Amino acid sequence: MFTGITLSIGEVASLKRKHGVTELAVVDTVVSKDVQIGDSVSVNGVCLTVVKREGDRMYFDMSEETLKSSGAGALTHGAKVNLEPAMSAGGRFGGHFVTGHIDGTGVIESKRAAGGGVLEIFIESPPVIQKYIVKKGSVAVDGVSLTVSDVSVGGFSIVIIPHTSCVTTLGLKNRGDSVNLETDIIGKYVEKFVAAYSGGGNLLNKLREEGFAR
């Protein structure tokens, strides 16, 4: 589990096919300092497991599913990536619940200055993602926890303050760039729960049967 608060910006050292998986190597001097083999790290919002570490270089293995559902396969040598270690039990919770399981990718359709160093970014997103996007709700963009400022047909807007531009890769993104998207998991659970009991019977009675209501 992650919070969507980027701790460091790393750099892709290599991306290569190896023994049926794709090996990703990321260089970083902050997250790599305390990471252990087997730890989970969010790389541009994708939850990956550290399989090897050499100094400030971390290695991750990515499956075909990970490559298919995210933009991880398009990373190139030298690309900057947002990094966040998994949330510790006693750590502060500053963003929202982020699992690191990407729902899909979106494309930056526009990026404009809104004054005072603030940036407004409009992201085009597919219907499977768009249905979970709500105004003032939470969304993770390349692993960064953000608030949806507005929702339009086919996409949504986010506002980036100067600090976020400096400490994440979002300030480096341009029109046409792809971004990993993860919607708020709470909405998915609500949808599944309601759908399971919407076919018949009284929802309140069902909740009582399951122990969720009195």
N, C-alpha and C. Protein backbone atom coordinates (compact mmCIF):
# COMPACT_ATOMS: atom_id res chain seq x y z
N MET A 1 0.85 -1.19 0.00
CA MET A 1 0.00 0.00 0.00
C MET A 1 0.88 1.24 0.00
N PHE A 2 0.44 2.26 -0.74
CA PHE A 2 1.19 3.50 -0.84
C PHE A 2 0.26 4.68 -0.54
N THR A 3 0.84 5.87 -0.44
CA THR A 3 0.06 7.06 -0.14
C THR A 3 -0.05 8.00 -1.34
N GLY A 4 0.80 7.80 -2.35
CA GLY A 4 0.80 8.70 -3.49
C GLY A 4 1.65 9.94 -3.26
N ILE A 5 2.46 9.92 -2.21
CA ILE A 5 3.37 11.03 -1.93
C ILE A 5 4.77 10.62 -2.36
N THR A 6 5.23 11.15 -3.48
CA THR A 6 6.53 10.78 -4.04
C THR A 6 7.66 11.15 -3.09
N LEU A 7 8.56 10.21 -2.86
CA LEU A 7 9.69 10.46 -1.97
C LEU A 7 10.93 10.91 -2.74
N SER A 8 11.06 10.43 -3.98
CA SER A 8 12.25 10.75 -4.75
C SER A 8 11.99 10.57 -6.23
N ILE A 9 12.80 11.20 -7.05
CA ILE A 9 12.76 10.98 -8.50
C ILE A 9 14.00 10.17 -8.89
N GLY A 10 13.77 8.98 -9.43
CA GLY A 10 14.86 8.13 -9.86
C GLY A 10 15.07 8.23 -11.36
N GLU A 11 16.08 7.52 -11.83
CA GLU A 11 16.41 7.53 -13.26
C GLU A 11 16.56 6.09 -13.76
N VAL A 12 15.94 5.81 -14.89
CA VAL A 12 16.02 4.46 -15.46
C VAL A 12 17.44 4.22 -15.98
N ALA A 13 18.06 3.16 -15.46
CA ALA A 13 19.42 2.80 -15.89
C ALA A 13 19.39 1.79 -17.03
N SER A 14 18.37 0.91 -17.02
CA SER A 14 18.25 -0.08 -18.10
C SER A 14 16.87 -0.71 -18.07
N LEU A 15 16.48 -1.25 -19.21
CA LEU A 15 15.23 -1.98 -19.36
C LEU A 15 15.48 -3.07 -20.38
N LYS A 16 15.50 -4.32 -19.93
CA LYS A 16 15.83 -5.40 -20.86
C LYS A 16 15.08 -6.68 -20.55
N ARG A 17 14.87 -7.45 -21.60
CA ARG A 17 14.20 -8.73 -21.48
C ARG A 17 15.16 -9.75 -20.89
N LYS A 18 14.66 -10.51 -19.89
CA LYS A 18 15.56 -11.45 -19.22
C LYS A 18 14.75 -12.59 -18.63
N HIS A 19 14.98 -13.82 -19.12
CA HIS A 19 14.35 -15.03 -18.58
C HIS A 19 12.82 -14.92 -18.52
N GLY A 20 12.20 -14.43 -19.58
CA GLY A 20 10.76 -14.39 -19.65
C GLY A 20 10.11 -13.19 -18.99
N VAL A 21 10.90 -12.35 -18.32
CA VAL A 21 10.36 -11.13 -17.72
C VAL A 21 11.20 -9.95 -18.21
N THR A 22 10.71 -8.75 -17.93
CA THR A 22 11.47 -7.55 -18.30
C THR A 22 12.10 -6.98 -17.05
N GLU A 23 13.41 -6.84 -17.07
CA GLU A 23 14.13 -6.33 -15.92
C GLU A 23 14.30 -4.81 -16.03
N LEU A 24 13.89 -4.12 -15.00
CA LEU A 24 14.02 -2.67 -14.93
C LEU A 24 15.02 -2.32 -13.84
N ALA A 25 15.99 -1.49 -14.18
CA ALA A 25 16.97 -1.01 -13.20
C ALA A 25 16.79 0.49 -13.04
N VAL A 26 16.67 0.93 -11.78
CA VAL A 26 16.47 2.35 -11.48
C VAL A 26 17.54 2.81 -10.51
N VAL A 27 18.15 3.95 -10.83
CA VAL A 27 19.17 4.54 -9.97
C VAL A 27 18.54 5.64 -9.12
N ASP A 28 18.83 5.60 -7.82
CA ASP A 28 18.26 6.59 -6.90
C ASP A 28 19.08 6.57 -5.61
N THR A 29 19.27 7.72 -5.00
CA THR A 29 20.07 7.79 -3.79
C THR A 29 19.24 7.93 -2.52
N VAL A 30 17.92 8.01 -2.65
CA VAL A 30 17.06 8.21 -1.48
C VAL A 30 16.34 6.92 -1.10
N VAL A 31 15.48 6.43 -1.97
CA VAL A 31 14.71 5.21 -1.68
C VAL A 31 15.63 4.00 -1.58
N SER A 32 16.64 3.93 -2.44
CA SER A 32 17.53 2.77 -2.46
C SER A 32 18.34 2.63 -1.19
N LYS A 33 18.47 3.71 -0.45
CA LYS A 33 19.30 3.70 0.76
C LYS A 33 18.77 2.73 1.81
N ASP A 34 17.46 2.63 1.94
CA ASP A 34 16.87 1.78 2.98
C ASP A 34 16.15 0.55 2.44
N VAL A 35 16.08 0.40 1.14
CA VAL A 35 15.31 -0.69 0.56
C VAL A 35 15.99 -2.03 0.76
N GLN A 36 15.16 -3.08 0.91
CA GLN A 36 15.66 -4.44 1.06
C GLN A 36 15.10 -5.31 -0.06
N ILE A 37 15.77 -6.43 -0.32
CA ILE A 37 15.26 -7.37 -1.32
C ILE A 37 13.88 -7.85 -0.88
N GLY A 38 12.92 -7.82 -1.80
CA GLY A 38 11.56 -8.23 -1.48
C GLY A 38 10.64 -7.08 -1.12
N ASP A 39 11.21 -5.88 -0.92
CA ASP A 39 10.38 -4.71 -0.60
C ASP A 39 9.60 -4.26 -1.83
N SER A 40 8.46 -3.63 -1.58
CA SER A 40 7.65 -3.06 -2.66
C SER A 40 7.99 -1.59 -2.83
N VAL A 41 8.12 -1.16 -4.07
CA VAL A 41 8.39 0.23 -4.38
C VAL A 41 7.45 0.65 -5.51
N SER A 42 6.84 1.82 -5.38
CA SER A 42 6.01 2.36 -6.45
C SER A 42 6.91 3.09 -7.43
N VAL A 43 6.90 2.63 -8.68
CA VAL A 43 7.69 3.26 -9.75
C VAL A 43 6.71 3.84 -10.76
N ASN A 44 6.57 5.16 -10.75
CA ASN A 44 5.55 5.82 -11.58
C ASN A 44 4.16 5.24 -11.31
N GLY A 45 3.93 4.89 -10.06
CA GLY A 45 2.63 4.38 -9.67
C GLY A 45 2.45 2.88 -9.78
N VAL A 46 3.44 2.19 -10.31
CA VAL A 46 3.37 0.74 -10.48
C VAL A 46 4.07 0.05 -9.31
N CYS A 47 3.35 -0.80 -8.61
CA CYS A 47 3.93 -1.52 -7.48
C CYS A 47 4.86 -2.61 -8.00
N LEU A 48 6.15 -2.49 -7.71
CA LEU A 48 7.15 -3.47 -8.15
C LEU A 48 7.95 -3.98 -6.96
N THR A 49 8.46 -5.19 -7.08
CA THR A 49 9.24 -5.81 -6.01
C THR A 49 10.72 -5.72 -6.31
N VAL A 50 11.49 -5.30 -5.33
CA VAL A 50 12.94 -5.23 -5.48
C VAL A 50 13.50 -6.64 -5.49
N VAL A 51 14.14 -7.03 -6.58
CA VAL A 51 14.70 -8.38 -6.68
C VAL A 51 16.22 -8.39 -6.52
N LYS A 52 16.82 -7.21 -6.66
CA LYS A 52 18.27 -7.10 -6.51
C LYS A 52 18.62 -5.65 -6.25
N ARG A 53 19.71 -5.44 -5.53
CA ARG A 53 20.18 -4.08 -5.28
C ARG A 53 21.70 -4.04 -5.35
N GLU A 54 22.22 -3.08 -6.07
CA GLU A 54 23.65 -2.87 -6.18
C GLU A 54 23.94 -1.40 -5.92
N GLY A 55 24.34 -1.08 -4.70
CA GLY A 55 24.57 0.31 -4.34
C GLY A 55 23.29 1.11 -4.42
N ASP A 56 23.30 2.16 -5.23
CA ASP A 56 22.10 2.99 -5.38
C ASP A 56 21.24 2.56 -6.56
N ARG A 57 21.46 1.35 -7.05
CA ARG A 57 20.70 0.82 -8.19
C ARG A 57 19.77 -0.30 -7.73
N MET A 58 18.47 -0.14 -8.02
CA MET A 58 17.47 -1.14 -7.66
C MET A 58 17.00 -1.86 -8.93
N TYR A 59 16.77 -3.17 -8.81
CA TYR A 59 16.32 -3.97 -9.95
C TYR A 59 14.92 -4.54 -9.67
N PHE A 60 14.09 -4.50 -10.70
CA PHE A 60 12.72 -5.00 -10.60
C PHE A 60 12.41 -5.88 -11.80
N ASP A 61 11.62 -6.93 -11.60
CA ASP A 61 11.14 -7.77 -12.70
C ASP A 61 9.69 -7.41 -12.99
N MET A 62 9.37 -7.20 -14.27
CA MET A 62 8.01 -6.83 -14.65
C MET A 62 7.40 -7.89 -15.56
N SER A 63 6.16 -8.28 -15.25
CA SER A 63 5.46 -9.29 -16.03
C SER A 63 4.83 -8.65 -17.27
N GLU A 64 4.30 -9.49 -18.15
CA GLU A 64 3.62 -9.01 -19.36
C GLU A 64 2.37 -8.21 -18.98
N GLU A 65 1.69 -8.63 -17.93
CA GLU A 65 0.50 -7.91 -17.48
C GLU A 65 0.84 -6.49 -17.04
N THR A 66 1.96 -6.35 -16.32
CA THR A 66 2.39 -5.02 -15.89
C THR A 66 2.72 -4.14 -17.08
N LEU A 67 3.39 -4.70 -18.07
CA LEU A 67 3.75 -3.95 -19.26
C LEU A 67 2.50 -3.55 -20.05
N LYS A 68 1.51 -4.44 -20.07
CA LYS A 68 0.30 -4.20 -20.84
C LYS A 68 -0.60 -3.14 -20.20
N SER A 69 -0.68 -3.15 -18.88
CA SER A 69 -1.63 -2.27 -18.20
C SER A 69 -1.04 -0.91 -17.81
N SER A 70 0.26 -0.75 -17.99
CA SER A 70 0.90 0.52 -17.62
C SER A 70 1.83 0.98 -18.73
N GLY A 71 2.44 2.13 -18.51
CA GLY A 71 3.40 2.64 -19.48
C GLY A 71 4.82 2.23 -19.18
N ALA A 72 4.99 1.24 -18.30
CA ALA A 72 6.33 0.82 -17.88
C ALA A 72 7.18 0.31 -19.04
N GLY A 73 6.54 -0.35 -20.00
CA GLY A 73 7.29 -0.90 -21.12
C GLY A 73 7.84 0.15 -22.05
N ALA A 74 7.35 1.37 -21.95
CA ALA A 74 7.81 2.45 -22.83
C ALA A 74 8.95 3.26 -22.21
N LEU A 75 9.36 2.91 -20.99
CA LEU A 75 10.45 3.63 -20.35
C LEU A 75 11.75 3.43 -21.11
N THR A 76 12.56 4.45 -21.14
CA THR A 76 13.84 4.39 -21.84
C THR A 76 14.98 4.79 -20.90
N HIS A 77 16.20 4.48 -21.31
CA HIS A 77 17.38 4.82 -20.51
C HIS A 77 17.41 6.33 -20.23
N GLY A 78 17.54 6.68 -18.96
CA GLY A 78 17.61 8.08 -18.58
C GLY A 78 16.28 8.70 -18.21
N ALA A 79 15.19 7.98 -18.44
CA ALA A 79 13.86 8.51 -18.11
C ALA A 79 13.72 8.71 -16.59
N LYS A 80 13.05 9.77 -16.20
CA LYS A 80 12.83 10.05 -14.78
C LYS A 80 11.55 9.36 -14.31
N VAL A 81 11.58 8.80 -13.11
CA VAL A 81 10.42 8.09 -12.57
C VAL A 81 10.18 8.49 -11.12
N ASN A 82 8.90 8.57 -10.76
CA ASN A 82 8.52 8.86 -9.37
C ASN A 82 8.69 7.60 -8.53
N LEU A 83 9.28 7.75 -7.35
CA LEU A 83 9.52 6.60 -6.47
C LEU A 83 8.89 6.83 -5.10
N GLU A 84 8.27 5.79 -4.59
CA GLU A 84 7.73 5.82 -3.23
C GLU A 84 7.83 4.42 -2.63
N PRO A 85 8.47 4.27 -1.47
CA PRO A 85 8.48 2.95 -0.81
C PRO A 85 7.12 2.68 -0.22
N ALA A 86 6.84 1.41 0.05
CA ALA A 86 5.55 1.04 0.64
C ALA A 86 5.39 1.72 1.99
N MET A 87 4.15 2.04 2.33
CA MET A 87 3.84 2.74 3.58
C MET A 87 4.13 1.84 4.77
N SER A 88 4.83 2.36 5.75
CA SER A 88 5.12 1.59 6.96
C SER A 88 3.95 1.69 7.93
N ALA A 89 3.85 0.73 8.84
CA ALA A 89 2.73 0.69 9.77
C ALA A 89 2.64 1.94 10.63
N GLY A 90 3.78 2.51 10.97
CA GLY A 90 3.77 3.69 11.84
C GLY A 90 3.98 4.99 11.10
N GLY A 91 3.96 4.93 9.77
CA GLY A 91 4.22 6.12 8.99
C GLY A 91 3.03 7.04 8.87
N ARG A 92 3.29 8.28 8.43
CA ARG A 92 2.22 9.25 8.24
C ARG A 92 1.48 8.96 6.95
N PHE A 93 0.17 9.23 6.97
CA PHE A 93 -0.65 8.99 5.78
C PHE A 93 -1.08 10.34 5.23
N GLY A 94 -0.41 10.79 4.16
CA GLY A 94 -0.64 12.15 3.69
C GLY A 94 -1.41 12.25 2.39
N GLY A 95 -1.57 11.16 1.65
CA GLY A 95 -2.26 11.23 0.36
C GLY A 95 -3.60 10.51 0.42
N HIS A 96 -3.72 9.41 -0.35
CA HIS A 96 -4.90 8.56 -0.24
C HIS A 96 -4.46 7.12 -0.46
N PHE A 97 -5.35 6.16 -0.30
CA PHE A 97 -4.99 4.76 -0.46
C PHE A 97 -4.64 4.46 -1.91
N VAL A 98 -3.39 4.15 -2.15
CA VAL A 98 -2.90 3.82 -3.49
C VAL A 98 -2.32 2.41 -3.45
N THR A 99 -2.82 1.53 -4.30
CA THR A 99 -2.38 0.13 -4.27
C THR A 99 -1.16 -0.13 -5.15
N GLY A 100 -0.96 0.71 -6.17
CA GLY A 100 0.12 0.46 -7.11
C GLY A 100 -0.30 -0.48 -8.23
N HIS A 101 -1.61 -0.78 -8.30
CA HIS A 101 -2.14 -1.63 -9.36
C HIS A 101 -2.82 -0.72 -10.39
N ILE A 102 -2.11 -0.43 -11.45
CA ILE A 102 -2.55 0.55 -12.44
C ILE A 102 -3.82 0.08 -13.16
N ASP A 103 -4.78 1.01 -13.30
CA ASP A 103 -6.02 0.71 -14.03
C ASP A 103 -5.83 0.86 -15.54
N GLY A 104 -4.89 1.68 -15.93
CA GLY A 104 -4.65 1.92 -17.35
C GLY A 104 -3.85 3.20 -17.51
N THR A 105 -3.74 3.66 -18.74
CA THR A 105 -2.97 4.86 -19.01
C THR A 105 -3.86 5.95 -19.60
N GLY A 106 -3.46 7.17 -19.38
CA GLY A 106 -4.11 8.33 -19.97
C GLY A 106 -3.09 9.13 -20.75
N VAL A 107 -3.55 10.15 -21.43
CA VAL A 107 -2.66 11.00 -22.23
C VAL A 107 -2.89 12.45 -21.87
N ILE A 108 -1.83 13.19 -21.67
CA ILE A 108 -1.95 14.61 -21.38
C ILE A 108 -2.40 15.33 -22.64
N GLU A 109 -3.60 15.91 -22.59
CA GLU A 109 -4.15 16.61 -23.74
C GLU A 109 -3.77 18.08 -23.75
N SER A 110 -3.63 18.65 -22.55
CA SER A 110 -3.21 20.04 -22.47
C SER A 110 -2.54 20.31 -21.13
N LYS A 111 -1.71 21.33 -21.13
CA LYS A 111 -0.99 21.73 -19.92
C LYS A 111 -0.79 23.24 -20.01
N ARG A 112 -1.35 23.97 -19.05
CA ARG A 112 -1.25 25.43 -19.14
C ARG A 112 -0.95 26.03 -17.78
N ALA A 113 -0.27 27.19 -17.82
CA ALA A 113 0.04 27.92 -16.60
C ALA A 113 -1.22 28.60 -16.09
N ALA A 114 -1.48 28.48 -14.79
CA ALA A 114 -2.67 29.07 -14.19
C ALA A 114 -2.33 30.21 -13.24
N GLY A 115 -1.07 30.68 -13.29
CA GLY A 115 -0.64 31.78 -12.43
C GLY A 115 0.03 31.31 -11.16
N GLY A 116 1.05 32.03 -10.73
CA GLY A 116 1.75 31.69 -9.49
C GLY A 116 2.51 30.39 -9.55
N GLY A 117 2.89 29.96 -10.75
CA GLY A 117 3.61 28.71 -10.90
C GLY A 117 2.73 27.48 -10.90
N VAL A 118 1.42 27.69 -10.78
CA VAL A 118 0.46 26.57 -10.78
C VAL A 118 0.22 26.11 -12.22
N LEU A 119 0.11 24.81 -12.40
CA LEU A 119 -0.17 24.23 -13.71
C LEU A 119 -1.51 23.50 -13.69
N GLU A 120 -2.28 23.69 -14.73
CA GLU A 120 -3.53 22.95 -14.90
C GLU A 120 -3.33 21.97 -16.04
N ILE A 121 -3.57 20.70 -15.75
CA ILE A 121 -3.34 19.64 -16.74
C ILE A 121 -4.65 18.90 -17.00
N PHE A 122 -4.98 18.75 -18.29
CA PHE A 122 -6.15 17.96 -18.66
C PHE A 122 -5.66 16.63 -19.21
N ILE A 123 -6.18 15.54 -18.65
CA ILE A 123 -5.77 14.19 -19.04
C ILE A 123 -6.92 13.45 -19.69
N GLU A 124 -6.70 12.96 -20.88
CA GLU A 124 -7.68 12.12 -21.55
C GLU A 124 -7.59 10.72 -20.95
N SER A 125 -8.74 10.14 -20.59
CA SER A 125 -8.72 8.81 -19.98
C SER A 125 -9.80 7.94 -20.62
N PRO A 126 -9.56 6.63 -20.72
CA PRO A 126 -10.54 5.72 -21.32
C PRO A 126 -11.76 5.54 -20.42
N PRO A 127 -12.90 5.12 -20.99
CA PRO A 127 -14.14 4.95 -20.21
C PRO A 127 -14.00 4.06 -18.98
N VAL A 128 -13.19 3.01 -19.07
CA VAL A 128 -13.03 2.09 -17.94
C VAL A 128 -12.45 2.80 -16.73
N ILE A 129 -11.71 3.87 -16.96
CA ILE A 129 -11.15 4.67 -15.87
C ILE A 129 -12.04 5.86 -15.55
N GLN A 130 -12.54 6.48 -16.59
CA GLN A 130 -13.32 7.70 -16.44
C GLN A 130 -14.54 7.52 -15.54
N LYS A 131 -15.13 6.34 -15.54
CA LYS A 131 -16.34 6.12 -14.74
C LYS A 131 -16.08 6.22 -13.24
N TYR A 132 -14.82 6.09 -12.83
CA TYR A 132 -14.48 6.20 -11.41
C TYR A 132 -13.97 7.58 -11.02
N ILE A 133 -13.83 8.47 -11.99
CA ILE A 133 -13.31 9.80 -11.73
C ILE A 133 -14.45 10.73 -11.30
N VAL A 134 -14.31 11.33 -10.14
CA VAL A 134 -15.33 12.26 -9.65
C VAL A 134 -14.66 13.57 -9.25
N LYS A 135 -15.37 14.67 -9.45
CA LYS A 135 -14.85 15.98 -9.09
C LYS A 135 -14.58 16.04 -7.59
N LYS A 136 -13.41 16.55 -7.25
CA LYS A 136 -12.90 16.65 -5.87
C LYS A 136 -12.51 15.30 -5.29
N GLY A 137 -12.55 14.26 -6.12
CA GLY A 137 -12.11 12.95 -5.68
C GLY A 137 -10.60 12.79 -5.86
N SER A 138 -10.10 11.64 -5.47
CA SER A 138 -8.67 11.37 -5.56
C SER A 138 -8.33 10.51 -6.77
N VAL A 139 -7.14 10.73 -7.33
CA VAL A 139 -6.63 9.91 -8.41
C VAL A 139 -5.10 9.92 -8.32
N ALA A 140 -4.48 8.80 -8.67
CA ALA A 140 -3.03 8.73 -8.69
C ALA A 140 -2.57 8.82 -10.15
N VAL A 141 -1.76 9.81 -10.44
CA VAL A 141 -1.22 10.03 -11.79
C VAL A 141 0.29 9.80 -11.73
N ASP A 142 0.75 8.75 -12.39
CA ASP A 142 2.15 8.33 -12.30
C ASP A 142 2.57 8.17 -10.84
N GLY A 143 1.61 7.68 -10.04
CA GLY A 143 1.90 7.41 -8.63
C GLY A 143 1.75 8.59 -7.70
N VAL A 144 1.37 9.75 -8.24
CA VAL A 144 1.23 10.96 -7.42
C VAL A 144 -0.23 11.16 -7.02
N SER A 145 -0.50 11.26 -5.73
CA SER A 145 -1.85 11.47 -5.24
C SER A 145 -2.29 12.90 -5.54
N LEU A 146 -3.40 13.02 -6.29
CA LEU A 146 -3.89 14.33 -6.70
C LEU A 146 -5.41 14.41 -6.54
N THR A 147 -5.91 15.63 -6.48
CA THR A 147 -7.34 15.87 -6.41
C THR A 147 -7.86 16.27 -7.79
N VAL A 148 -8.94 15.64 -8.20
CA VAL A 148 -9.55 15.96 -9.49
C VAL A 148 -10.23 17.32 -9.37
N SER A 149 -9.80 18.28 -10.19
CA SER A 149 -10.38 19.62 -10.11
C SER A 149 -11.64 19.75 -10.95
N ASP A 150 -11.73 18.98 -12.03
CA ASP A 150 -12.92 19.03 -12.88
C ASP A 150 -12.98 17.77 -13.73
N VAL A 151 -14.20 17.42 -14.15
CA VAL A 151 -14.41 16.24 -14.99
C VAL A 151 -15.14 16.67 -16.25
N SER A 152 -14.66 16.23 -17.41
CA SER A 152 -15.30 16.52 -18.68
C SER A 152 -15.50 15.22 -19.44
N VAL A 153 -16.15 15.28 -20.57
CA VAL A 153 -16.34 14.10 -21.40
C VAL A 153 -14.97 13.63 -21.89
N GLY A 154 -14.63 12.41 -21.54
CA GLY A 154 -13.38 11.83 -22.03
C GLY A 154 -12.14 12.17 -21.25
N GLY A 155 -12.28 12.84 -20.12
CA GLY A 155 -11.08 13.17 -19.36
C GLY A 155 -11.36 13.98 -18.12
N PHE A 156 -10.30 14.42 -17.48
CA PHE A 156 -10.42 15.18 -16.24
C PHE A 156 -9.23 16.13 -16.09
N SER A 157 -9.40 17.10 -15.22
CA SER A 157 -8.35 18.09 -14.97
C SER A 157 -7.77 17.93 -13.58
N ILE A 158 -6.49 18.23 -13.45
CA ILE A 158 -5.81 18.27 -12.16
C ILE A 158 -5.02 19.56 -12.11
N VAL A 159 -4.76 20.04 -10.91
CA VAL A 159 -3.98 21.26 -10.72
C VAL A 159 -2.72 20.90 -9.95
N ILE A 160 -1.58 21.32 -10.48
CA ILE A 160 -0.28 21.01 -9.88
C ILE A 160 0.34 22.26 -9.30
N ILE A 161 0.61 22.26 -8.00
CA ILE A 161 1.26 23.40 -7.37
C ILE A 161 2.77 23.34 -7.65
N PRO A 162 3.48 24.45 -7.51
CA PRO A 162 4.92 24.46 -7.80
C PRO A 162 5.72 23.38 -7.08
N HIS A 163 5.39 23.11 -5.82
CA HIS A 163 6.12 22.09 -5.07
C HIS A 163 5.99 20.72 -5.74
N THR A 164 4.77 20.37 -6.15
CA THR A 164 4.54 19.08 -6.82
C THR A 164 5.31 19.01 -8.14
N SER A 165 5.37 20.12 -8.85
CA SER A 165 6.12 20.17 -10.12
C SER A 165 7.59 19.88 -9.90
N CYS A 166 8.11 20.34 -8.75
CA CYS A 166 9.55 20.20 -8.47
C CYS A 166 9.93 18.81 -7.95
N VAL A 167 9.04 18.20 -7.17
CA VAL A 167 9.40 16.94 -6.50
C VAL A 167 8.85 15.70 -7.20
N THR A 168 8.15 15.88 -8.32
CA THR A 168 7.66 14.75 -9.11
C THR A 168 8.01 14.98 -10.57
N THR A 169 7.74 14.00 -11.39
CA THR A 169 8.02 14.13 -12.82
C THR A 169 6.91 14.86 -13.57
N LEU A 170 5.82 15.18 -12.91
CA LEU A 170 4.69 15.80 -13.60
C LEU A 170 5.04 17.16 -14.18
N GLY A 171 5.97 17.85 -13.54
CA GLY A 171 6.40 19.14 -14.07
C GLY A 171 7.17 19.00 -15.38
N LEU A 172 7.69 17.80 -15.65
CA LEU A 172 8.46 17.54 -16.86
C LEU A 172 7.60 17.01 -18.01
N LYS A 173 6.37 16.62 -17.69
CA LYS A 173 5.50 16.04 -18.70
C LYS A 173 4.98 17.10 -19.67
N ASN A 174 4.74 16.68 -20.91
CA ASN A 174 4.24 17.58 -21.93
C ASN A 174 3.01 17.00 -22.63
N ARG A 175 2.39 17.81 -23.44
CA ARG A 175 1.22 17.39 -24.20
C ARG A 175 1.57 16.16 -25.04
N GLY A 176 0.72 15.15 -24.99
CA GLY A 176 0.95 13.92 -25.74
C GLY A 176 1.65 12.84 -24.95
N ASP A 177 2.18 13.18 -23.77
CA ASP A 177 2.84 12.18 -22.93
C ASP A 177 1.81 11.27 -22.26
N SER A 178 2.18 10.02 -22.10
CA SER A 178 1.33 9.04 -21.44
C SER A 178 1.59 9.04 -19.94
N VAL A 179 0.55 8.81 -19.15
CA VAL A 179 0.68 8.74 -17.69
C VAL A 179 -0.09 7.53 -17.16
N ASN A 180 0.44 6.91 -16.12
CA ASN A 180 -0.24 5.80 -15.46
C ASN A 180 -1.35 6.35 -14.56
N LEU A 181 -2.51 5.70 -14.59
CA LEU A 181 -3.64 6.14 -13.79
C LEU A 181 -4.14 5.03 -12.88
N GLU A 182 -4.38 5.38 -11.63
CA GLU A 182 -5.03 4.47 -10.69
C GLU A 182 -6.14 5.25 -9.99
N THR A 183 -7.36 4.79 -10.13
CA THR A 183 -8.49 5.47 -9.49
C THR A 183 -8.62 5.04 -8.04
N ASP A 184 -9.42 5.77 -7.30
CA ASP A 184 -9.61 5.51 -5.88
C ASP A 184 -10.24 4.13 -5.66
N ILE A 185 -9.59 3.28 -4.92
CA ILE A 185 -10.05 1.91 -4.71
C ILE A 185 -11.38 1.85 -3.97
N ILE A 186 -11.69 2.87 -3.17
CA ILE A 186 -12.96 2.86 -2.43
C ILE A 186 -14.15 2.83 -3.38
N GLY A 187 -14.06 3.59 -4.48
CA GLY A 187 -15.14 3.61 -5.45
C GLY A 187 -15.36 2.25 -6.09
N LYS A 188 -14.29 1.52 -6.31
CA LYS A 188 -14.40 0.19 -6.92
C LYS A 188 -15.10 -0.79 -5.97
N TYR A 189 -14.77 -0.71 -4.70
CA TYR A 189 -15.40 -1.60 -3.72
C TYR A 189 -16.89 -1.28 -3.58
N VAL A 190 -17.21 0.01 -3.56
CA VAL A 190 -18.62 0.40 -3.46
C VAL A 190 -19.40 -0.11 -4.66
N GLU A 191 -18.83 0.05 -5.86
CA GLU A 191 -19.50 -0.42 -7.08
C GLU A 191 -19.74 -1.93 -7.02
N LYS A 192 -18.73 -2.67 -6.62
CA LYS A 192 -18.86 -4.13 -6.57
C LYS A 192 -19.89 -4.56 -5.54
N PHE A 193 -19.88 -3.89 -4.39
CA PHE A 193 -20.79 -4.25 -3.32
C PHE A 193 -22.24 -3.98 -3.72
N VAL A 194 -22.48 -2.81 -4.29
CA VAL A 194 -23.83 -2.43 -4.70
C VAL A 194 -24.33 -3.34 -5.82
N ALA A 195 -23.44 -3.64 -6.78
CA ALA A 195 -23.82 -4.49 -7.90
C ALA A 195 -24.20 -5.89 -7.44
N ALA A 196 -23.53 -6.37 -6.40
CA ALA A 196 -23.78 -7.72 -5.91
C ALA A 196 -25.18 -7.88 -5.33
N TYR A 197 -25.75 -6.79 -4.82
CA TYR A 197 -27.04 -6.88 -4.15
C TYR A 197 -28.14 -6.10 -4.86
N SER A 198 -27.85 -5.57 -6.02
CA SER A 198 -28.85 -4.77 -6.72
C SER A 198 -29.82 -5.63 -7.53
N GLY A 199 -29.54 -6.92 -7.65
CA GLY A 199 -30.40 -7.78 -8.46
C GLY A 199 -31.70 -8.16 -7.79
N GLY A 200 -31.78 -8.01 -6.51
CA GLY A 200 -33.03 -8.38 -5.83
C GLY A 200 -32.91 -8.24 -4.34
N GLY A 201 -34.04 -8.13 -3.66
CA GLY A 201 -34.02 -8.00 -2.22
C GLY A 201 -33.76 -6.58 -1.78
N ASN A 202 -33.89 -6.35 -0.51
CA ASN A 202 -33.68 -5.04 0.07
C ASN A 202 -32.21 -4.88 0.45
N LEU A 203 -31.59 -3.80 -0.02
CA LEU A 203 -30.16 -3.60 0.23
C LEU A 203 -29.86 -3.48 1.71
N LEU A 204 -30.73 -2.80 2.45
CA LEU A 204 -30.51 -2.65 3.89
C LEU A 204 -30.55 -3.99 4.59
N ASN A 205 -31.47 -4.87 4.18
CA ASN A 205 -31.54 -6.20 4.77
C ASN A 205 -30.30 -7.01 4.46
N LYS A 206 -29.80 -6.85 3.23
CA LYS A 206 -28.57 -7.55 2.85
C LYS A 206 -27.40 -7.07 3.70
N LEU A 207 -27.35 -5.77 3.93
CA LEU A 207 -26.28 -5.21 4.76
C LEU A 207 -26.35 -5.77 6.18
N ARG A 208 -27.59 -5.90 6.67
CA ARG A 208 -27.76 -6.43 8.02
C ARG A 208 -27.32 -7.88 8.09
N GLU A 209 -27.64 -8.65 7.06
CA GLU A 209 -27.25 -10.07 7.02
C GLU A 209 -25.73 -10.22 7.04
N GLU A 210 -25.06 -9.29 6.39
CA GLU A 210 -23.60 -9.37 6.30
C GLU A 210 -22.91 -8.71 7.49
N GLY A 211 -23.72 -8.13 8.40
CA GLY A 211 -23.15 -7.52 9.58
C GLY A 211 -22.66 -6.10 9.40
N PHE A 212 -23.06 -5.46 8.28
CA PHE A 212 -22.61 -4.09 8.03
C PHE A 212 -23.62 -3.05 8.52
N ALA A 213 -24.78 -3.46 8.94
CA ALA A 213 -25.79 -2.51 9.43
C ALA A 213 -26.61 -3.18 10.51
N ARG A 214 -27.31 -2.34 11.29
CA ARG A 214 -28.15 -2.85 12.37
C ARG A 214 -29.60 -2.52 12.12
